[in-house]
Amino acid sequence: MWRNDIAVCAQRHSTITDDNEEERKQKEFKGLLNKITPEKYQTICAKMLNIDVNHPSTLHSLIMQARSLACLVHCNLKCLCKVLC
């Protein structure tokens, strides 16, 4: 009986550790997105590509973060163009 308890506990710990690792990767990616400038583009992209993605849900989240930032930048540029023109 206690062996089952140990196995369940170990499995939960593994899942929590995996979740924490995936969360860390998402935070790292978001931090890199916030640092992108034309001057730092190549360096930041290389760092982004070095993030090891192990789960489809993490990849989806990273893509959504990038897309969200791209949409925000596009909207801001569109508004700027309206003001300037």
C-alpha atoms as a PDB file:
ATOM      1  CA  MET A   1       0.000   0.000   0.000  1.00  0.00           C
ATOM      2  CA  TRP A   2       2.703   2.508   0.918  1.00  0.00           C
ATOM      3  CA  ARG A   3       4.506   1.784  -2.356  1.00  0.00           C
ATOM      4  CA  ASN A   4       1.468   3.052  -4.245  1.00  0.00           C
ATOM      5  CA  ASP A   5       1.510   6.209  -2.134  1.00  0.00           C
ATOM      6  CA  ILE A   6       5.178   6.765  -2.964  1.00  0.00           C
ATOM      7  CA  ALA A   7       4.554   6.194  -6.682  1.00  0.00           C
ATOM      8  CA  VAL A   8       1.620   8.638  -6.699  1.00  0.00           C
ATOM      9  CA  CYS A   9       3.645  11.218  -4.781  1.00  0.00           C
ATOM     10  CA  ALA A  10       6.592  10.845  -7.178  1.00  0.00           C
ATOM     11  CA  GLN A  11       4.282  11.230 -10.172  1.00  0.00           C
ATOM     12  CA  ARG A  12       2.734  14.400  -8.734  1.00  0.00           C
ATOM     13  CA  HIS A  13       6.175  15.833  -8.013  1.00  0.00           C
ATOM     14  CA  SER A  14       7.245  15.079 -11.597  1.00  0.00           C
ATOM     15  CA  THR A  15       4.146  16.794 -12.976  1.00  0.00           C
ATOM     16  CA  ILE A  16       4.677  19.852 -10.766  1.00  0.00           C
ATOM     17  CA  THR A  17       8.338  20.032 -11.762  1.00  0.00           C
ATOM     18  CA  ASP A  18       7.391  19.792 -15.456  1.00  0.00           C
ATOM     19  CA  ASP A  19       4.762  22.515 -15.022  1.00  0.00           C
ATOM     20  CA  ASN A  20       7.271  24.790 -13.284  1.00  0.00           C
ATOM     21  CA  GLU A  21       9.822  24.189 -16.033  1.00  0.00           C
ATOM     22  CA  GLU A  22       7.291  24.960 -18.763  1.00  0.00           C
ATOM     23  CA  GLU A  23       6.177  28.086 -16.908  1.00  0.00           C
ATOM     24  CA  ARG A  24       9.812  29.187 -16.615  1.00  0.00           C
ATOM     25  CA  LYS A  25      10.264  28.755 -20.365  1.00  0.00           C
ATOM     26  CA  GLN A  26       7.163  30.842 -21.075  1.00  0.00           C
ATOM     27  CA  LYS A  27       8.382  33.616 -18.767  1.00  0.00           C
ATOM     28  CA  GLU A  28      11.816  33.526 -20.391  1.00  0.00           C
ATOM     29  CA  PHE A  29      10.242  33.797 -23.850  1.00  0.00           C
ATOM     30  CA  LYS A  30       8.025  36.691 -22.776  1.00  0.00           C
ATOM     31  CA  GLY A  31      11.035  38.471 -21.289  1.00  0.00           C
ATOM     32  CA  LEU A  32      12.893  38.061 -24.566  1.00  0.00           C
ATOM     33  CA  LEU A  33       9.900  39.362 -26.528  1.00  0.00           C
ATOM     34  CA  ASN A  34       9.902  42.471 -24.362  1.00  0.00           C
ATOM     35  CA  LYS A  35      13.579  43.085 -25.153  1.00  0.00           C
ATOM     36  CA  ILE A  36      13.324  42.941 -28.957  1.00  0.00           C
ATOM     37  CA  THR A  37      14.628  46.006 -30.739  1.00  0.00           C
ATOM     38  CA  PRO A  38      15.946  46.322 -34.291  1.00  0.00           C
ATOM     39  CA  GLU A  39      19.492  46.365 -32.911  1.00  0.00           C
ATOM     40  CA  LYS A  40      19.019  43.267 -30.714  1.00  0.00           C
ATOM     41  CA  TYR A  41      16.798  41.300 -33.116  1.00  0.00           C
ATOM     42  CA  GLN A  42      19.371  38.677 -34.209  1.00  0.00           C
ATOM     43  CA  THR A  43      20.652  38.049 -30.675  1.00  0.00           C
ATOM     44  CA  ILE A  44      17.166  37.776 -29.169  1.00  0.00           C
ATOM     45  CA  CYS A  45      15.950  35.455 -31.950  1.00  0.00           C
ATOM     46  CA  ALA A  46      18.915  33.151 -31.343  1.00  0.00           C
ATOM     47  CA  LYS A  47      18.066  33.020 -27.635  1.00  0.00           C
ATOM     48  CA  MET A  48      14.414  32.282 -28.428  1.00  0.00           C
ATOM     49  CA  LEU A  49      15.378  29.412 -30.704  1.00  0.00           C
ATOM     50  CA  ASN A  50      17.506  27.931 -27.918  1.00  0.00           C
ATOM     51  CA  ILE A  51      14.506  27.521 -25.615  1.00  0.00           C
ATOM     52  CA  ASP A  52      13.809  23.789 -25.462  1.00  0.00           C
ATOM     53  CA  VAL A  53      10.095  23.205 -26.053  1.00  0.00           C
ATOM     54  CA  ASN A  54       8.916  19.759 -24.946  1.00  0.00           C
ATOM     55  CA  HIS A  55       5.142  20.112 -24.894  1.00  0.00           C
ATOM     56  CA  PRO A  56       2.702  21.180 -27.614  1.00  0.00           C
ATOM     57  CA  SER A  57       0.895  23.378 -25.103  1.00  0.00           C
ATOM     58  CA  THR A  58       4.108  25.303 -24.417  1.00  0.00           C
ATOM     59  CA  LEU A  59       4.721  25.816 -28.127  1.00  0.00           C
ATOM     60  CA  HIS A  60       1.138  27.019 -28.543  1.00  0.00           C
ATOM     61  CA  SER A  61       1.576  29.453 -25.661  1.00  0.00           C
ATOM     62  CA  LEU A  62       4.835  30.839 -27.078  1.00  0.00           C
ATOM     63  CA  ILE A  63       3.250  31.320 -30.497  1.00  0.00           C
ATOM     64  CA  MET A  64       0.272  33.100 -28.938  1.00  0.00           C
ATOM     65  CA  GLN A  65       2.595  35.414 -26.985  1.00  0.00           C
ATOM     66  CA  ALA A  66       4.499  36.325 -30.148  1.00  0.00           C
ATOM     67  CA  ARG A  67       1.270  36.817 -32.090  1.00  0.00           C
ATOM     68  CA  SER A  68      -0.209  39.000 -29.362  1.00  0.00           C
ATOM     69  CA  LEU A  69       2.855  41.263 -29.391  1.00  0.00           C
ATOM     70  CA  ALA A  70       2.824  41.433 -33.196  1.00  0.00           C
ATOM     71  CA  CYS A  71      -0.850  42.457 -33.167  1.00  0.00           C
ATOM     72  CA  LEU A  72      -0.194  45.119 -30.546  1.00  0.00           C
ATOM     73  CA  VAL A  73       2.724  46.565 -32.493  1.00  0.00           C
ATOM     74  CA  HIS A  74       0.705  46.504 -35.713  1.00  0.00           C
ATOM     75  CA  CYS A  75      -2.211  48.323 -34.069  1.00  0.00           C
ATOM     76  CA  ASN A  76       0.104  50.936 -32.569  1.00  0.00           C
ATOM     77  CA  LEU A  77       1.771  51.550 -35.947  1.00  0.00           C
ATOM     78  CA  LYS A  78      -1.605  51.781 -37.652  1.00  0.00           C
ATOM     79  CA  CYS A  79      -2.753  54.412 -35.138  1.00  0.00           C
ATOM     80  CA  LEU A  80       0.505  56.309 -35.555  1.00  0.00           C
ATOM     81  CA  CYS A  81       0.054  56.350 -39.333  1.00  0.00           C
ATOM     82  CA  LYS A  82      -3.475  57.719 -38.950  1.00  0.00           C
ATOM     83  CA  VAL A  83      -2.198  60.517 -36.728  1.00  0.00           C
ATOM     84  CA  LEU A  84       0.687  61.385 -39.036  1.00  0.00           C
ATOM     85  CA  CYS A  85      -1.283  61.228 -42.308  1.00  0.00           C
END
